[in-house]
Amino acid sequence: MTDIKGSFKNQNILVEDRNKVTITGVEQVESFNDNTIILKTIKGSMIIKGEELNVGKLNLDDGNIKIDGIINGINYMDKDLSQRGSIIGKIFK
C-alpha cells in the first residue's frame, strides 16, 4: 500500500456562487468555527473567512475538503511564516 498523504503536488480551489468551496491539497484542519476555518495545505496555511461556515465533507487521505456557507475571503499565509509562528505571538513571549 502506498502512502498517499503528503504526496500531493497540486492544489485547486473551486468556489461556486460564493456559498460552496472545494479545496484539494489539504493536509490538516487546524481550527474551525462558523466564521473562520484554518487549514494546513501543501502550499501553506490557508484562512477561509465567511458566515455560517460548515465543513460538509473532509477526506484527509485524498486531501479534499468541501465547505458550505457564505465565503467572504480565502487567504494564504506564507509557508515559512506559518512554521515560525505569528509576529504577535513573538512580541508577547
N, C-alpha and C. Protein backbone atom coordinates (compact mmCIF):
# COMPACT_ATOMS: atom_id res chain seq x y z
N MET A 1 0.84 -1.18 0.00
CA MET A 1 0.00 0.00 0.00
C MET A 1 0.88 1.24 0.00
N THR A 2 0.60 2.18 -0.88
CA THR A 2 1.38 3.40 -0.99
C THR A 2 0.80 4.47 -0.08
N ASP A 3 1.67 5.21 0.60
CA ASP A 3 1.24 6.31 1.45
C ASP A 3 0.91 7.51 0.58
N ILE A 4 -0.37 7.83 0.46
CA ILE A 4 -0.82 8.94 -0.38
C ILE A 4 -0.63 10.26 0.34
N LYS A 5 -0.86 10.28 1.64
CA LYS A 5 -0.81 11.53 2.40
C LYS A 5 0.57 12.17 2.26
N GLY A 6 0.58 13.47 1.96
CA GLY A 6 1.84 14.19 1.82
C GLY A 6 2.44 14.11 0.43
N SER A 7 1.82 13.36 -0.48
CA SER A 7 2.39 13.22 -1.82
C SER A 7 1.68 14.13 -2.83
N PHE A 8 0.80 15.02 -2.37
CA PHE A 8 0.08 15.92 -3.27
C PHE A 8 1.05 16.97 -3.80
N LYS A 9 0.88 17.34 -5.06
CA LYS A 9 1.74 18.36 -5.66
C LYS A 9 0.94 19.58 -6.09
N ASN A 10 -0.30 19.37 -6.45
CA ASN A 10 -1.14 20.46 -6.94
C ASN A 10 -2.22 20.80 -5.93
N GLN A 11 -2.65 22.05 -6.00
CA GLN A 11 -3.76 22.47 -5.16
C GLN A 11 -4.76 23.22 -6.03
N ASN A 12 -6.02 22.85 -5.89
CA ASN A 12 -7.09 23.50 -6.62
C ASN A 12 -8.12 24.04 -5.64
N ILE A 13 -8.67 25.20 -5.98
CA ILE A 13 -9.73 25.80 -5.19
C ILE A 13 -10.87 26.12 -6.15
N LEU A 14 -12.04 25.56 -5.88
CA LEU A 14 -13.22 25.80 -6.69
C LEU A 14 -14.28 26.46 -5.81
N VAL A 15 -14.63 27.70 -6.15
CA VAL A 15 -15.66 28.42 -5.42
C VAL A 15 -16.90 28.47 -6.31
N GLU A 16 -18.02 28.02 -5.76
CA GLU A 16 -19.28 28.01 -6.51
C GLU A 16 -20.26 28.99 -5.86
N ASP A 17 -20.60 30.05 -6.59
CA ASP A 17 -21.61 31.02 -6.15
C ASP A 17 -21.36 31.60 -4.76
N ARG A 18 -20.12 31.64 -4.34
CA ARG A 18 -19.72 32.16 -3.02
C ARG A 18 -20.38 31.42 -1.85
N ASN A 19 -20.98 30.26 -2.10
CA ASN A 19 -21.56 29.53 -0.97
C ASN A 19 -21.07 28.09 -0.87
N LYS A 20 -20.15 27.70 -1.74
CA LYS A 20 -19.52 26.38 -1.65
C LYS A 20 -18.09 26.51 -2.13
N VAL A 21 -17.18 25.87 -1.42
CA VAL A 21 -15.79 25.84 -1.86
C VAL A 21 -15.26 24.43 -1.69
N THR A 22 -14.54 23.96 -2.71
CA THR A 22 -13.87 22.67 -2.68
C THR A 22 -12.37 22.94 -2.82
N ILE A 23 -11.59 22.38 -1.92
CA ILE A 23 -10.13 22.61 -1.91
C ILE A 23 -9.43 21.27 -1.90
N THR A 24 -8.41 21.13 -2.76
CA THR A 24 -7.56 19.94 -2.76
C THR A 24 -6.20 20.31 -2.20
N GLY A 25 -5.43 19.31 -1.82
CA GLY A 25 -4.10 19.54 -1.26
C GLY A 25 -4.12 19.90 0.21
N VAL A 26 -5.21 19.52 0.89
CA VAL A 26 -5.36 19.82 2.33
C VAL A 26 -4.67 18.73 3.14
N GLU A 27 -3.82 19.15 4.07
CA GLU A 27 -3.12 18.22 4.94
C GLU A 27 -3.77 18.10 6.31
N GLN A 28 -4.37 19.21 6.80
CA GLN A 28 -4.90 19.20 8.16
C GLN A 28 -5.87 20.38 8.34
N VAL A 29 -6.91 20.18 9.15
CA VAL A 29 -7.77 21.28 9.58
C VAL A 29 -7.26 21.70 10.95
N GLU A 30 -6.73 22.92 11.03
CA GLU A 30 -6.15 23.39 12.29
C GLU A 30 -7.21 23.90 13.25
N SER A 31 -8.22 24.62 12.73
CA SER A 31 -9.33 25.06 13.58
C SER A 31 -10.48 25.50 12.69
N PHE A 32 -11.67 25.50 13.27
CA PHE A 32 -12.82 25.99 12.52
C PHE A 32 -13.94 26.40 13.47
N ASN A 33 -14.69 27.39 13.02
CA ASN A 33 -15.94 27.79 13.66
C ASN A 33 -16.85 28.35 12.56
N ASP A 34 -17.94 29.00 12.94
CA ASP A 34 -18.91 29.48 11.94
C ASP A 34 -18.35 30.57 11.02
N ASN A 35 -17.29 31.27 11.46
CA ASN A 35 -16.79 32.42 10.71
C ASN A 35 -15.39 32.24 10.13
N THR A 36 -14.62 31.28 10.63
CA THR A 36 -13.23 31.12 10.20
C THR A 36 -12.85 29.64 10.18
N ILE A 37 -12.19 29.23 9.10
CA ILE A 37 -11.63 27.88 9.02
C ILE A 37 -10.16 28.05 8.65
N ILE A 38 -9.28 27.42 9.43
CA ILE A 38 -7.84 27.48 9.17
C ILE A 38 -7.37 26.09 8.77
N LEU A 39 -6.75 26.02 7.58
CA LEU A 39 -6.28 24.76 7.04
C LEU A 39 -4.78 24.78 6.87
N LYS A 40 -4.14 23.63 7.01
CA LYS A 40 -2.75 23.46 6.61
C LYS A 40 -2.80 22.75 5.26
N THR A 41 -2.20 23.37 4.25
CA THR A 41 -2.24 22.80 2.91
C THR A 41 -0.81 22.62 2.39
N ILE A 42 -0.69 22.02 1.23
CA ILE A 42 0.63 21.80 0.64
C ILE A 42 1.27 23.10 0.20
N LYS A 43 0.49 24.18 0.10
CA LYS A 43 1.00 25.48 -0.32
C LYS A 43 1.09 26.48 0.83
N GLY A 44 0.92 26.01 2.06
CA GLY A 44 0.98 26.88 3.23
C GLY A 44 -0.35 26.88 3.96
N SER A 45 -0.41 27.64 5.03
CA SER A 45 -1.66 27.74 5.79
C SER A 45 -2.65 28.59 5.03
N MET A 46 -3.92 28.25 5.16
CA MET A 46 -4.99 28.94 4.45
C MET A 46 -6.07 29.32 5.45
N ILE A 47 -6.58 30.53 5.32
CA ILE A 47 -7.66 31.01 6.18
C ILE A 47 -8.87 31.30 5.30
N ILE A 48 -10.00 30.68 5.64
CA ILE A 48 -11.24 30.93 4.93
C ILE A 48 -12.14 31.69 5.89
N LYS A 49 -12.60 32.86 5.46
CA LYS A 49 -13.49 33.70 6.27
C LYS A 49 -14.86 33.70 5.63
N GLY A 50 -15.89 33.75 6.47
CA GLY A 50 -17.24 33.78 5.95
C GLY A 50 -18.27 33.79 7.06
N GLU A 51 -19.47 33.37 6.69
CA GLU A 51 -20.58 33.31 7.63
C GLU A 51 -21.25 31.94 7.52
N GLU A 52 -21.64 31.40 8.66
CA GLU A 52 -22.30 30.09 8.72
C GLU A 52 -21.49 29.02 7.99
N LEU A 53 -20.17 29.03 8.16
CA LEU A 53 -19.30 28.06 7.50
C LEU A 53 -19.49 26.68 8.12
N ASN A 54 -19.48 25.68 7.29
CA ASN A 54 -19.67 24.30 7.73
C ASN A 54 -18.81 23.39 6.86
N VAL A 55 -18.05 22.52 7.52
CA VAL A 55 -17.27 21.53 6.78
C VAL A 55 -18.22 20.40 6.41
N GLY A 56 -18.57 20.36 5.12
CA GLY A 56 -19.53 19.36 4.65
C GLY A 56 -18.90 18.01 4.41
N LYS A 57 -17.68 18.01 3.87
CA LYS A 57 -17.00 16.75 3.56
C LYS A 57 -15.51 16.96 3.75
N LEU A 58 -14.87 16.04 4.44
CA LEU A 58 -13.44 16.11 4.68
C LEU A 58 -12.85 14.72 4.47
N ASN A 59 -11.84 14.65 3.60
CA ASN A 59 -11.14 13.40 3.36
C ASN A 59 -9.65 13.71 3.31
N LEU A 60 -8.96 13.56 4.44
CA LEU A 60 -7.54 13.87 4.51
C LEU A 60 -6.69 12.85 3.76
N ASP A 61 -7.20 11.64 3.57
CA ASP A 61 -6.45 10.65 2.79
C ASP A 61 -6.28 11.12 1.34
N ASP A 62 -7.34 11.75 0.81
CA ASP A 62 -7.28 12.29 -0.55
C ASP A 62 -6.88 13.75 -0.58
N GLY A 63 -6.89 14.40 0.60
CA GLY A 63 -6.53 15.82 0.69
C GLY A 63 -7.63 16.75 0.22
N ASN A 64 -8.89 16.34 0.35
CA ASN A 64 -10.02 17.14 -0.13
C ASN A 64 -10.90 17.62 1.01
N ILE A 65 -11.42 18.85 0.84
CA ILE A 65 -12.40 19.38 1.79
C ILE A 65 -13.45 20.14 1.01
N LYS A 66 -14.70 20.04 1.47
CA LYS A 66 -15.81 20.82 0.91
C LYS A 66 -16.42 21.62 2.03
N ILE A 67 -16.59 22.91 1.79
CA ILE A 67 -17.10 23.82 2.81
C ILE A 67 -18.32 24.53 2.25
N ASP A 68 -19.38 24.60 3.07
CA ASP A 68 -20.60 25.32 2.71
C ASP A 68 -20.72 26.55 3.59
N GLY A 69 -21.40 27.56 3.11
CA GLY A 69 -21.63 28.80 3.84
C GLY A 69 -21.34 29.98 2.93
N ILE A 70 -21.41 31.17 3.47
CA ILE A 70 -21.13 32.37 2.69
C ILE A 70 -19.62 32.62 2.75
N ILE A 71 -18.95 32.54 1.62
CA ILE A 71 -17.50 32.70 1.54
C ILE A 71 -17.18 34.18 1.32
N ASN A 72 -16.49 34.80 2.29
CA ASN A 72 -16.12 36.21 2.17
C ASN A 72 -14.66 36.38 1.76
N GLY A 73 -13.82 35.39 2.01
CA GLY A 73 -12.43 35.53 1.62
C GLY A 73 -11.63 34.26 1.86
N ILE A 74 -10.60 34.09 1.03
CA ILE A 74 -9.66 32.97 1.16
C ILE A 74 -8.27 33.57 1.07
N ASN A 75 -7.47 33.37 2.11
CA ASN A 75 -6.11 33.92 2.15
C ASN A 75 -5.10 32.84 2.48
N TYR A 76 -3.93 32.95 1.85
CA TYR A 76 -2.80 32.10 2.18
C TYR A 76 -1.89 32.84 3.15
N MET A 77 -1.27 32.09 4.03
CA MET A 77 -0.17 32.60 4.83
C MET A 77 1.08 31.93 4.29
N ASP A 78 2.16 32.67 4.17
CA ASP A 78 3.41 32.11 3.66
C ASP A 78 3.79 30.87 4.47
N LYS A 79 4.20 29.80 3.79
CA LYS A 79 4.53 28.55 4.46
C LYS A 79 5.62 28.75 5.51
N ASP A 80 6.65 29.54 5.18
CA ASP A 80 7.73 29.78 6.13
C ASP A 80 7.24 30.55 7.35
N LEU A 81 6.40 31.55 7.14
CA LEU A 81 5.89 32.35 8.25
C LEU A 81 5.00 31.52 9.15
N SER A 82 4.17 30.65 8.58
CA SER A 82 3.27 29.84 9.39
C SER A 82 4.05 28.85 10.26
N GLN A 83 5.21 28.42 9.81
CA GLN A 83 6.01 27.49 10.60
C GLN A 83 6.76 28.21 11.72
N ARG A 84 7.07 29.50 11.52
CA ARG A 84 7.80 30.26 12.52
C ARG A 84 6.90 30.82 13.61
N GLY A 85 5.61 30.87 13.39
CA GLY A 85 4.70 31.46 14.36
C GLY A 85 4.37 32.88 13.99
N SER A 86 3.39 33.42 14.63
CA SER A 86 2.96 34.77 14.29
C SER A 86 3.86 35.82 14.92
N ILE A 87 3.91 36.98 14.31
CA ILE A 87 4.70 38.09 14.83
C ILE A 87 4.14 38.53 16.18
N ILE A 88 2.83 38.58 16.31
CA ILE A 88 2.22 38.99 17.57
C ILE A 88 2.56 37.99 18.68
N GLY A 89 2.58 36.70 18.33
CA GLY A 89 2.97 35.69 19.31
C GLY A 89 4.39 35.89 19.79
N LYS A 90 5.29 36.31 18.89
CA LYS A 90 6.66 36.57 19.28
C LYS A 90 6.80 37.81 20.14
N ILE A 91 5.98 38.82 19.87
CA ILE A 91 6.03 40.06 20.65
C ILE A 91 5.66 39.81 22.10
N PHE A 92 4.65 38.95 22.32
CA PHE A 92 4.14 38.73 23.68
C PHE A 92 4.76 37.53 24.38
N LYS A 93 5.88 37.01 23.88
CA LYS A 93 6.56 35.89 24.54
C LYS A 93 7.24 36.34 25.80
